[in-house]
Amino acid sequence: AFDAGLEDAVREYQRSRGLSADGIVGPRTITHLDEGIVGDPT
C-alpha cells in the first residue's frame, strides 16, 4: 500500500535526482530507479 510515508520518501528521492518532487512514481522516476539494474549491475 502506497502511504504518506512512502510518498515522502519518493519526494526526497526525486529531489536528490533533480526530478519534479511530486511524490508520483511515473515513467521518468522509474527510469532513474531502474537505470542500469537490468542485466549485470556491475
All heavy atoms as atom14 arrays in JSON, in Angstrom:
{
  "sequence": "AFDAGLEDAVREYQRSRGLSADGIVGPRTITHLDEGIVGDPT",
  "atom14_mask": [
    [1, 1, 1, 1, 1, 0, 0, 0, 0, 0, 0, 0, 0, 0],
    [1, 1, 1, 1, 1, 1, 1, 1, 1, 1, 1, 0, 0, 0],
    [1, 1, 1, 1, 1, 1, 1, 1, 0, 0, 0, 0, 0, 0],
    [1, 1, 1, 1, 1, 0, 0, 0, 0, 0, 0, 0, 0, 0],
    [1, 1, 1, 1, 0, 0, 0, 0, 0, 0, 0, 0, 0, 0],
    [1, 1, 1, 1, 1, 1, 1, 1, 0, 0, 0, 0, 0, 0],
    [1, 1, 1, 1, 1, 1, 1, 1, 1, 0, 0, 0, 0, 0],
    [1, 1, 1, 1, 1, 1, 1, 1, 0, 0, 0, 0, 0, 0],
    [1, 1, 1, 1, 1, 0, 0, 0, 0, 0, 0, 0, 0, 0],
    [1, 1, 1, 1, 1, 1, 1, 0, 0, 0, 0, 0, 0, 0],
    [1, 1, 1, 1, 1, 1, 1, 1, 1, 1, 1, 0, 0, 0],
    [1, 1, 1, 1, 1, 1, 1, 1, 1, 0, 0, 0, 0, 0],
    [1, 1, 1, 1, 1, 1, 1, 1, 1, 1, 1, 1, 0, 0],
    [1, 1, 1, 1, 1, 1, 1, 1, 1, 0, 0, 0, 0, 0],
    [1, 1, 1, 1, 1, 1, 1, 1, 1, 1, 1, 0, 0, 0],
    [1, 1, 1, 1, 1, 1, 0, 0, 0, 0, 0, 0, 0, 0],
    [1, 1, 1, 1, 1, 1, 1, 1, 1, 1, 1, 0, 0, 0],
    [1, 1, 1, 1, 0, 0, 0, 0, 0, 0, 0, 0, 0, 0],
    [1, 1, 1, 1, 1, 1, 1, 1, 0, 0, 0, 0, 0, 0],
    [1, 1, 1, 1, 1, 1, 0, 0, 0, 0, 0, 0, 0, 0],
    [1, 1, 1, 1, 1, 0, 0, 0, 0, 0, 0, 0, 0, 0],
    [1, 1, 1, 1, 1, 1, 1, 1, 0, 0, 0, 0, 0, 0],
    [1, 1, 1, 1, 0, 0, 0, 0, 0, 0, 0, 0, 0, 0],
    [1, 1, 1, 1, 1, 1, 1, 1, 0, 0, 0, 0, 0, 0],
    [1, 1, 1, 1, 1, 1, 1, 0, 0, 0, 0, 0, 0, 0],
    [1, 1, 1, 1, 0, 0, 0, 0, 0, 0, 0, 0, 0, 0],
    [1, 1, 1, 1, 1, 1, 1, 0, 0, 0, 0, 0, 0, 0],
    [1, 1, 1, 1, 1, 1, 1, 1, 1, 1, 1, 0, 0, 0],
    [1, 1, 1, 1, 1, 1, 1, 0, 0, 0, 0, 0, 0, 0],
    [1, 1, 1, 1, 1, 1, 1, 1, 0, 0, 0, 0, 0, 0],
    [1, 1, 1, 1, 1, 1, 1, 0, 0, 0, 0, 0, 0, 0],
    [1, 1, 1, 1, 1, 1, 1, 1, 1, 1, 0, 0, 0, 0],
    [1, 1, 1, 1, 1, 1, 1, 1, 0, 0, 0, 0, 0, 0],
    [1, 1, 1, 1, 1, 1, 1, 1, 0, 0, 0, 0, 0, 0],
    [1, 1, 1, 1, 1, 1, 1, 1, 1, 0, 0, 0, 0, 0],
    [1, 1, 1, 1, 0, 0, 0, 0, 0, 0, 0, 0, 0, 0],
    [1, 1, 1, 1, 1, 1, 1, 1, 0, 0, 0, 0, 0, 0],
    [1, 1, 1, 1, 1, 1, 1, 0, 0, 0, 0, 0, 0, 0],
    [1, 1, 1, 1, 0, 0, 0, 0, 0, 0, 0, 0, 0, 0],
    [1, 1, 1, 1, 1, 1, 1, 1, 0, 0, 0, 0, 0, 0],
    [1, 1, 1, 1, 1, 1, 1, 0, 0, 0, 0, 0, 0, 0],
    [1, 1, 1, 1, 1, 1, 1, 0, 0, 0, 0, 0, 0, 0]
  ],
  "atom14_positions": [
    [[0.85, -1.19, 0.0], [0.0, 0.0, 0.0], [0.88, 1.24, 0.0], [1.77, 1.4, 0.84], [-0.92, 0.0, 1.21], [0.0, 0.0, 0.0], [0.0, 0.0, 0.0], [0.0, 0.0, 0.0], [0.0, 0.0, 0.0], [0.0, 0.0, 0.0], [0.0, 0.0, 0.0], [0.0, 0.0, 0.0], [0.0, 0.0, 0.0], [0.0, 0.0, 0.0]],
    [[0.65, 2.15, -0.93], [1.41, 3.4, -1.08], [0.81, 4.42, -0.11], [-0.27, 4.96, -0.32], [1.29, 3.89, -2.52], [2.31, 4.91, -2.93], [3.14, 4.68, -4.03], [2.47, 6.11, -2.24], [4.08, 5.62, -4.42], [3.4, 7.06, -2.62], [4.22, 6.81, -3.72], [0.0, 0.0, 0.0], [0.0, 0.0, 0.0], [0.0, 0.0, 0.0]],
    [[1.54, 4.71, 1.0], [1.02, 5.6, 2.03], [1.8, 6.92, 2.06], [2.69, 7.16, 1.24], [1.04, 4.93, 3.4], [2.44, 4.44, 3.79], [3.43, 4.92, 3.18], [2.55, 3.59, 4.68], [0.0, 0.0, 0.0], [0.0, 0.0, 0.0], [0.0, 0.0, 0.0], [0.0, 0.0, 0.0], [0.0, 0.0, 0.0], [0.0, 0.0, 0.0]],
    [[1.48, 7.77, 3.03], [2.1, 9.09, 3.13], [3.6, 8.99, 3.4], [4.39, 9.79, 2.89], [1.42, 9.9, 4.23], [0.0, 0.0, 0.0], [0.0, 0.0, 0.0], [0.0, 0.0, 0.0], [0.0, 0.0, 0.0], [0.0, 0.0, 0.0], [0.0, 0.0, 0.0], [0.0, 0.0, 0.0], [0.0, 0.0, 0.0], [0.0, 0.0, 0.0]],
    [[4.02, 8.01, 4.2], [5.45, 7.86, 4.49], [6.25, 7.52, 3.23], [7.35, 8.04, 3.02], [0.0, 0.0, 0.0], [0.0, 0.0, 0.0], [0.0, 0.0, 0.0], [0.0, 0.0, 0.0], [0.0, 0.0, 0.0], [0.0, 0.0, 0.0], [0.0, 0.0, 0.0], [0.0, 0.0, 0.0], [0.0, 0.0, 0.0], [0.0, 0.0, 0.0]],
    [[5.67, 6.65, 2.4], [6.36, 6.3, 1.15], [6.36, 7.5, 0.2], [7.35, 7.74, -0.5], [5.66, 5.11, 0.5], [6.27, 4.61, -0.82], [7.74, 4.27, -0.66], [5.49, 3.41, -1.35], [0.0, 0.0, 0.0], [0.0, 0.0, 0.0], [0.0, 0.0, 0.0], [0.0, 0.0, 0.0], [0.0, 0.0, 0.0], [0.0, 0.0, 0.0]],
    [[5.29, 8.27, 0.2], [5.24, 9.46, -0.64], [6.36, 10.44, -0.27], [7.02, 11.02, -1.14], [3.89, 10.14, -0.51], [3.73, 11.34, -1.44], [2.37, 11.99, -1.3], [2.05, 12.46, -0.18], [1.63, 12.02, -2.29], [0.0, 0.0, 0.0], [0.0, 0.0, 0.0], [0.0, 0.0, 0.0], [0.0, 0.0, 0.0], [0.0, 0.0, 0.0]],
    [[6.6, 10.61, 1.02], [7.7, 11.48, 1.47], [9.04, 10.95, 0.99], [9.92, 11.73, 0.57], [7.7, 11.59, 3.0], [6.51, 12.4, 3.52], [5.92, 13.15, 2.73], [6.19, 12.27, 4.73], [0.0, 0.0, 0.0], [0.0, 0.0, 0.0], [0.0, 0.0, 0.0], [0.0, 0.0, 0.0], [0.0, 0.0, 0.0], [0.0, 0.0, 0.0]],
    [[9.22, 9.63, 1.06], [10.47, 9.02, 0.6], [10.66, 9.22, -0.9], [11.78, 9.47, -1.38], [10.49, 7.54, 0.96], [0.0, 0.0, 0.0], [0.0, 0.0, 0.0], [0.0, 0.0, 0.0], [0.0, 0.0, 0.0], [0.0, 0.0, 0.0], [0.0, 0.0, 0.0], [0.0, 0.0, 0.0], [0.0, 0.0, 0.0], [0.0, 0.0, 0.0]],
    [[9.57, 9.11, -1.65], [9.64, 9.33, -3.1], [10.02, 10.77, -3.41], [10.86, 11.04, -4.27], [8.29, 8.97, -3.77], [8.27, 9.44, -5.22], [8.06, 7.46, -3.7], [0.0, 0.0, 0.0], [0.0, 0.0, 0.0], [0.0, 0.0, 0.0], [0.0, 0.0, 0.0], [0.0, 0.0, 0.0], [0.0, 0.0, 0.0], [0.0, 0.0, 0.0]],
    [[9.39, 11.73, -2.7], [9.73, 13.14, -2.92], [11.21, 13.41, -2.65], [11.87, 14.13, -3.41], [8.86, 14.03, -2.02], [7.39, 14.09, -2.4], [6.65, 15.06, -1.48], [5.22, 15.0, -1.65], [4.54, 15.66, -2.59], [5.2, 16.44, -3.44], [3.23, 15.54, -2.67], [0.0, 0.0, 0.0], [0.0, 0.0, 0.0], [0.0, 0.0, 0.0]],
    [[11.72, 12.85, -1.58], [13.13, 13.05, -1.24], [14.03, 12.46, -2.32], [15.03, 13.07, -2.72], [13.43, 12.41, 0.12], [14.88, 12.57, 0.58], [15.28, 14.03, 0.75], [14.4, 14.86, 1.09], [16.47, 14.34, 0.54], [0.0, 0.0, 0.0], [0.0, 0.0, 0.0], [0.0, 0.0, 0.0], [0.0, 0.0, 0.0], [0.0, 0.0, 0.0]],
    [[13.66, 11.28, -2.8], [14.44, 10.66, -3.88], [14.4, 11.53, -5.14], [15.43, 11.75, -5.78], [13.87, 9.27, -4.2], [14.52, 8.6, -5.39], [15.72, 7.9, -5.24], [13.97, 8.69, -6.66], [16.34, 7.31, -6.33], [14.58, 8.1, -7.75], [15.76, 7.41, -7.58], [16.38, 6.84, -8.66], [0.0, 0.0, 0.0], [0.0, 0.0, 0.0]],
    [[13.23, 12.02, -5.49], [13.09, 12.85, -6.69], [13.92, 14.13, -6.57], [14.57, 14.55, -7.53], [11.62, 13.18, -6.94], [10.81, 11.96, -7.4], [9.32, 12.23, -7.41], [8.81, 12.99, -6.58], [8.61, 11.59, -8.35], [0.0, 0.0, 0.0], [0.0, 0.0, 0.0], [0.0, 0.0, 0.0], [0.0, 0.0, 0.0], [0.0, 0.0, 0.0]],
    [[13.89, 14.75, -5.4], [14.7, 15.97, -5.21], [16.18, 15.67, -5.37], [16.92, 16.45, -5.97], [14.42, 16.57, -3.82], [13.16, 17.42, -3.75], [13.09, 18.2, -2.45], [12.81, 17.32, -1.32], [11.59, 17.04, -0.88], [10.53, 17.57, -1.47], [11.42, 16.24, 0.15], [0.0, 0.0, 0.0], [0.0, 0.0, 0.0], [0.0, 0.0, 0.0]],
    [[16.63, 14.53, -4.87], [18.06, 14.18, -4.96], [18.5, 13.92, -6.39], [19.69, 14.0, -6.71], [18.35, 12.95, -4.1], [17.83, 11.77, -4.68], [0.0, 0.0, 0.0], [0.0, 0.0, 0.0], [0.0, 0.0, 0.0], [0.0, 0.0, 0.0], [0.0, 0.0, 0.0], [0.0, 0.0, 0.0], [0.0, 0.0, 0.0], [0.0, 0.0, 0.0]],
    [[17.55, 13.58, -7.28], [17.86, 13.31, -8.69], [17.57, 14.49, -9.59], [17.71, 14.4, -10.8], [17.04, 12.12, -9.2], [17.58, 10.71, -9.03], [18.49, 10.52, -7.9], [18.9, 9.13, -7.71], [19.16, 8.61, -6.52], [19.03, 9.35, -5.43], [19.58, 7.37, -6.41], [0.0, 0.0, 0.0], [0.0, 0.0, 0.0], [0.0, 0.0, 0.0]],
    [[17.11, 15.6, -9.01], [16.78, 16.75, -9.83], [15.48, 16.59, -10.58], [15.24, 17.27, -11.58], [0.0, 0.0, 0.0], [0.0, 0.0, 0.0], [0.0, 0.0, 0.0], [0.0, 0.0, 0.0], [0.0, 0.0, 0.0], [0.0, 0.0, 0.0], [0.0, 0.0, 0.0], [0.0, 0.0, 0.0], [0.0, 0.0, 0.0], [0.0, 0.0, 0.0]],
    [[14.6, 15.7, -10.1], [13.3, 15.48, -10.73], [12.23, 16.34, -10.05], [12.44, 16.86, -8.95], [12.9, 14.0, -10.61], [13.87, 12.98, -11.2], [13.42, 11.56, -10.82], [13.96, 13.13, -12.7], [0.0, 0.0, 0.0], [0.0, 0.0, 0.0], [0.0, 0.0, 0.0], [0.0, 0.0, 0.0], [0.0, 0.0, 0.0], [0.0, 0.0, 0.0]],
    [[11.1, 16.48, -10.71], [9.97, 17.19, -10.1], [9.5, 16.38, -8.89], [9.07, 15.23, -9.03], [8.83, 17.34, -11.1], [9.25, 18.12, -12.21], [0.0, 0.0, 0.0], [0.0, 0.0, 0.0], [0.0, 0.0, 0.0], [0.0, 0.0, 0.0], [0.0, 0.0, 0.0], [0.0, 0.0, 0.0], [0.0, 0.0, 0.0], [0.0, 0.0, 0.0]],
    [[9.56, 16.99, -7.7], [9.26, 16.26, -6.46], [7.76, 16.26, -6.19], [7.26, 16.9, -5.25], [10.02, 16.89, -5.29], [0.0, 0.0, 0.0], [0.0, 0.0, 0.0], [0.0, 0.0, 0.0], [0.0, 0.0, 0.0], [0.0, 0.0, 0.0], [0.0, 0.0, 0.0], [0.0, 0.0, 0.0], [0.0, 0.0, 0.0], [0.0, 0.0, 0.0]],
    [[7.01, 15.5, -7.02], [5.55, 15.44, -6.87], [5.08, 14.22, -6.11], [3.88, 14.07, -5.85], [4.88, 15.49, -8.25], [5.35, 14.37, -9.18], [6.07, 13.46, -8.72], [5.01, 14.42, -10.38], [0.0, 0.0, 0.0], [0.0, 0.0, 0.0], [0.0, 0.0, 0.0], [0.0, 0.0, 0.0], [0.0, 0.0, 0.0], [0.0, 0.0, 0.0]],
    [[6.02, 13.32, -5.73], [5.65, 12.14, -4.97], [4.98, 11.06, -5.79], [4.56, 10.04, -5.24], [0.0, 0.0, 0.0], [0.0, 0.0, 0.0], [0.0, 0.0, 0.0], [0.0, 0.0, 0.0], [0.0, 0.0, 0.0], [0.0, 0.0, 0.0], [0.0, 0.0, 0.0], [0.0, 0.0, 0.0], [0.0, 0.0, 0.0], [0.0, 0.0, 0.0]],
    [[4.9, 11.25, -7.11], [4.29, 10.26, -8.0], [5.39, 9.54, -8.77], [6.26, 10.18, -9.37], [3.3, 10.94, -8.98], [2.18, 11.63, -8.2], [2.74, 9.92, -9.97], [1.27, 12.46, -9.08], [0.0, 0.0, 0.0], [0.0, 0.0, 0.0], [0.0, 0.0, 0.0], [0.0, 0.0, 0.0], [0.0, 0.0, 0.0], [0.0, 0.0, 0.0]],
    [[5.35, 8.22, -8.77], [6.38, 7.42, -9.45], [5.88, 7.11, -10.85], [5.22, 6.11, -11.11], [6.68, 6.13, -8.66], [7.8, 5.35, -9.34], [7.08, 6.46, -7.23], [0.0, 0.0, 0.0], [0.0, 0.0, 0.0], [0.0, 0.0, 0.0], [0.0, 0.0, 0.0], [0.0, 0.0, 0.0], [0.0, 0.0, 0.0], [0.0, 0.0, 0.0]],
    [[6.19, 8.03, -11.77], [5.83, 7.87, -13.17], [6.99, 7.34, -13.98], [8.02, 6.9, -13.42], [0.0, 0.0, 0.0], [0.0, 0.0, 0.0], [0.0, 0.0, 0.0], [0.0, 0.0, 0.0], [0.0, 0.0, 0.0], [0.0, 0.0, 0.0], [0.0, 0.0, 0.0], [0.0, 0.0, 0.0], [0.0, 0.0, 0.0], [0.0, 0.0, 0.0]],
    [[6.9, 7.38, -15.32], [7.95, 6.79, -16.18], [9.33, 7.37, -15.93], [10.32, 6.63, -15.95], [7.45, 7.13, -17.59], [5.97, 7.28, -17.45], [5.75, 7.87, -16.1], [0.0, 0.0, 0.0], [0.0, 0.0, 0.0], [0.0, 0.0, 0.0], [0.0, 0.0, 0.0], [0.0, 0.0, 0.0], [0.0, 0.0, 0.0], [0.0, 0.0, 0.0]],
    [[9.45, 8.7, -15.71], [10.76, 9.32, -15.51], [11.41, 8.84, -14.22], [12.59, 8.5, -14.2], [10.6, 10.85, -15.5], [11.89, 11.62, -15.33], [12.81, 11.42, -16.5], [14.01, 12.24, -16.37], [15.15, 11.97, -16.96], [15.26, 10.91, -17.74], [16.2, 12.74, -16.81], [0.0, 0.0, 0.0], [0.0, 0.0, 0.0], [0.0, 0.0, 0.0]],
    [[10.63, 8.79, -13.14], [11.18, 8.32, -11.87], [11.54, 6.84, -11.95], [12.58, 6.4, -11.42], [10.18, 8.56, -10.72], [9.86, 9.96, -10.67], [10.75, 8.13, -9.38], [0.0, 0.0, 0.0], [0.0, 0.0, 0.0], [0.0, 0.0, 0.0], [0.0, 0.0, 0.0], [0.0, 0.0, 0.0], [0.0, 0.0, 0.0], [0.0, 0.0, 0.0]],
    [[10.71, 6.05, -12.63], [11.01, 4.62, -12.82], [12.33, 4.45, -13.58], [13.15, 3.59, -13.24], [9.87, 3.92, -13.6], [8.61, 3.82, -12.72], [10.3, 2.53, -14.07], [8.74, 2.86, -11.56], [0.0, 0.0, 0.0], [0.0, 0.0, 0.0], [0.0, 0.0, 0.0], [0.0, 0.0, 0.0], [0.0, 0.0, 0.0], [0.0, 0.0, 0.0]],
    [[12.53, 5.27, -14.61], [13.78, 5.2, -15.38], [14.98, 5.41, -14.47], [15.97, 4.7, -14.54], [13.77, 6.23, -16.51], [12.73, 5.9, -17.43], [15.1, 6.24, -17.26], [0.0, 0.0, 0.0], [0.0, 0.0, 0.0], [0.0, 0.0, 0.0], [0.0, 0.0, 0.0], [0.0, 0.0, 0.0], [0.0, 0.0, 0.0], [0.0, 0.0, 0.0]],
    [[14.9, 6.42, -13.61], [16.0, 6.69, -12.68], [16.2, 5.53, -11.7], [17.33, 5.14, -11.41], [15.74, 7.99, -11.92], [16.19, 9.21, -12.64], [17.35, 9.86, -12.36], [15.62, 9.88, -13.67], [17.5, 10.9, -13.17], [16.46, 10.93, -13.97], [0.0, 0.0, 0.0], [0.0, 0.0, 0.0], [0.0, 0.0, 0.0], [0.0, 0.0, 0.0]],
    [[15.11, 4.99, -11.19], [15.21, 3.9, -10.22], [15.82, 2.65, -10.84], [16.64, 1.96, -10.22], [13.83, 3.57, -9.67], [13.24, 4.54, -8.63], [11.75, 4.33, -8.51], [13.92, 4.34, -7.28], [0.0, 0.0, 0.0], [0.0, 0.0, 0.0], [0.0, 0.0, 0.0], [0.0, 0.0, 0.0], [0.0, 0.0, 0.0], [0.0, 0.0, 0.0]],
    [[15.42, 2.35, -12.07], [15.78, 1.07, -12.68], [16.97, 1.16, -13.63], [17.42, 0.14, -14.15], [14.59, 0.48, -13.43], [13.5, -0.01, -12.49], [13.74, 0.0, -11.27], [12.42, -0.39, -12.97], [0.0, 0.0, 0.0], [0.0, 0.0, 0.0], [0.0, 0.0, 0.0], [0.0, 0.0, 0.0], [0.0, 0.0, 0.0], [0.0, 0.0, 0.0]],
    [[17.47, 2.38, -13.89], [18.58, 2.53, -14.83], [19.76, 1.68, -14.4], [20.25, 1.75, -13.28], [19.02, 4.0, -14.89], [20.12, 4.27, -15.9], [19.58, 4.31, -17.32], [18.4, 4.66, -17.5], [20.35, 3.98, -18.23], [0.0, 0.0, 0.0], [0.0, 0.0, 0.0], [0.0, 0.0, 0.0], [0.0, 0.0, 0.0], [0.0, 0.0, 0.0]],
    [[20.23, 0.82, -15.3], [21.42, 0.02, -15.05], [21.18, -1.23, -14.22], [22.11, -1.99, -13.97], [0.0, 0.0, 0.0], [0.0, 0.0, 0.0], [0.0, 0.0, 0.0], [0.0, 0.0, 0.0], [0.0, 0.0, 0.0], [0.0, 0.0, 0.0], [0.0, 0.0, 0.0], [0.0, 0.0, 0.0], [0.0, 0.0, 0.0], [0.0, 0.0, 0.0]],
    [[19.91, -1.48, -13.79], [19.66, -2.65, -12.95], [19.46, -3.89, -13.8], [19.95, -4.97, -13.47], [18.43, -2.4, -12.05], [18.77, -1.31, -11.04], [18.0, -3.67, -11.35], [17.63, -0.95, -10.13], [0.0, 0.0, 0.0], [0.0, 0.0, 0.0], [0.0, 0.0, 0.0], [0.0, 0.0, 0.0], [0.0, 0.0, 0.0], [0.0, 0.0, 0.0]],
    [[18.73, -3.74, -14.92], [18.52, -4.89, -15.79], [19.86, -5.32, -16.35], [20.63, -4.52, -16.87], [17.54, -4.54, -16.92], [17.37, -5.72, -17.85], [16.2, -4.13, -16.33], [0.0, 0.0, 0.0], [0.0, 0.0, 0.0], [0.0, 0.0, 0.0], [0.0, 0.0, 0.0], [0.0, 0.0, 0.0], [0.0, 0.0, 0.0], [0.0, 0.0, 0.0]],
    [[20.18, -6.6, -16.27], [21.49, -7.08, -16.68], [22.43, -7.06, -15.48], [22.02, -6.92, -14.33], [0.0, 0.0, 0.0], [0.0, 0.0, 0.0], [0.0, 0.0, 0.0], [0.0, 0.0, 0.0], [0.0, 0.0, 0.0], [0.0, 0.0, 0.0], [0.0, 0.0, 0.0], [0.0, 0.0, 0.0], [0.0, 0.0, 0.0], [0.0, 0.0, 0.0]],
    [[23.72, -7.2, -15.75], [24.72, -7.24, -14.69], [24.84, -5.85, -14.07], [25.19, -4.89, -14.75], [26.07, -7.66, -15.3], [27.1, -7.96, -14.22], [26.99, -7.39, -13.12], [28.01, -8.75, -14.5], [0.0, 0.0, 0.0], [0.0, 0.0, 0.0], [0.0, 0.0, 0.0], [0.0, 0.0, 0.0], [0.0, 0.0, 0.0], [0.0, 0.0, 0.0]],
    [[24.58, -5.71, -12.76], [24.62, -4.39, -12.13], [26.02, -3.79, -12.1], [26.17, -2.59, -11.86], [24.09, -4.66, -10.71], [24.34, -6.1, -10.47], [24.18, -6.77, -11.82], [0.0, 0.0, 0.0], [0.0, 0.0, 0.0], [0.0, 0.0, 0.0], [0.0, 0.0, 0.0], [0.0, 0.0, 0.0], [0.0, 0.0, 0.0], [0.0, 0.0, 0.0]],
    [[27.05, -4.6, -12.31], [28.42, -4.07, -12.31], [28.81, -3.45, -13.65], [29.77, -2.68, -13.71], [29.44, -5.17, -11.96], [29.45, -6.16, -13.0], [29.1, -5.83, -10.64], [0.0, 0.0, 0.0], [0.0, 0.0, 0.0], [0.0, 0.0, 0.0], [0.0, 0.0, 0.0], [0.0, 0.0, 0.0], [0.0, 0.0, 0.0], [0.0, 0.0, 0.0]]
  ]
}
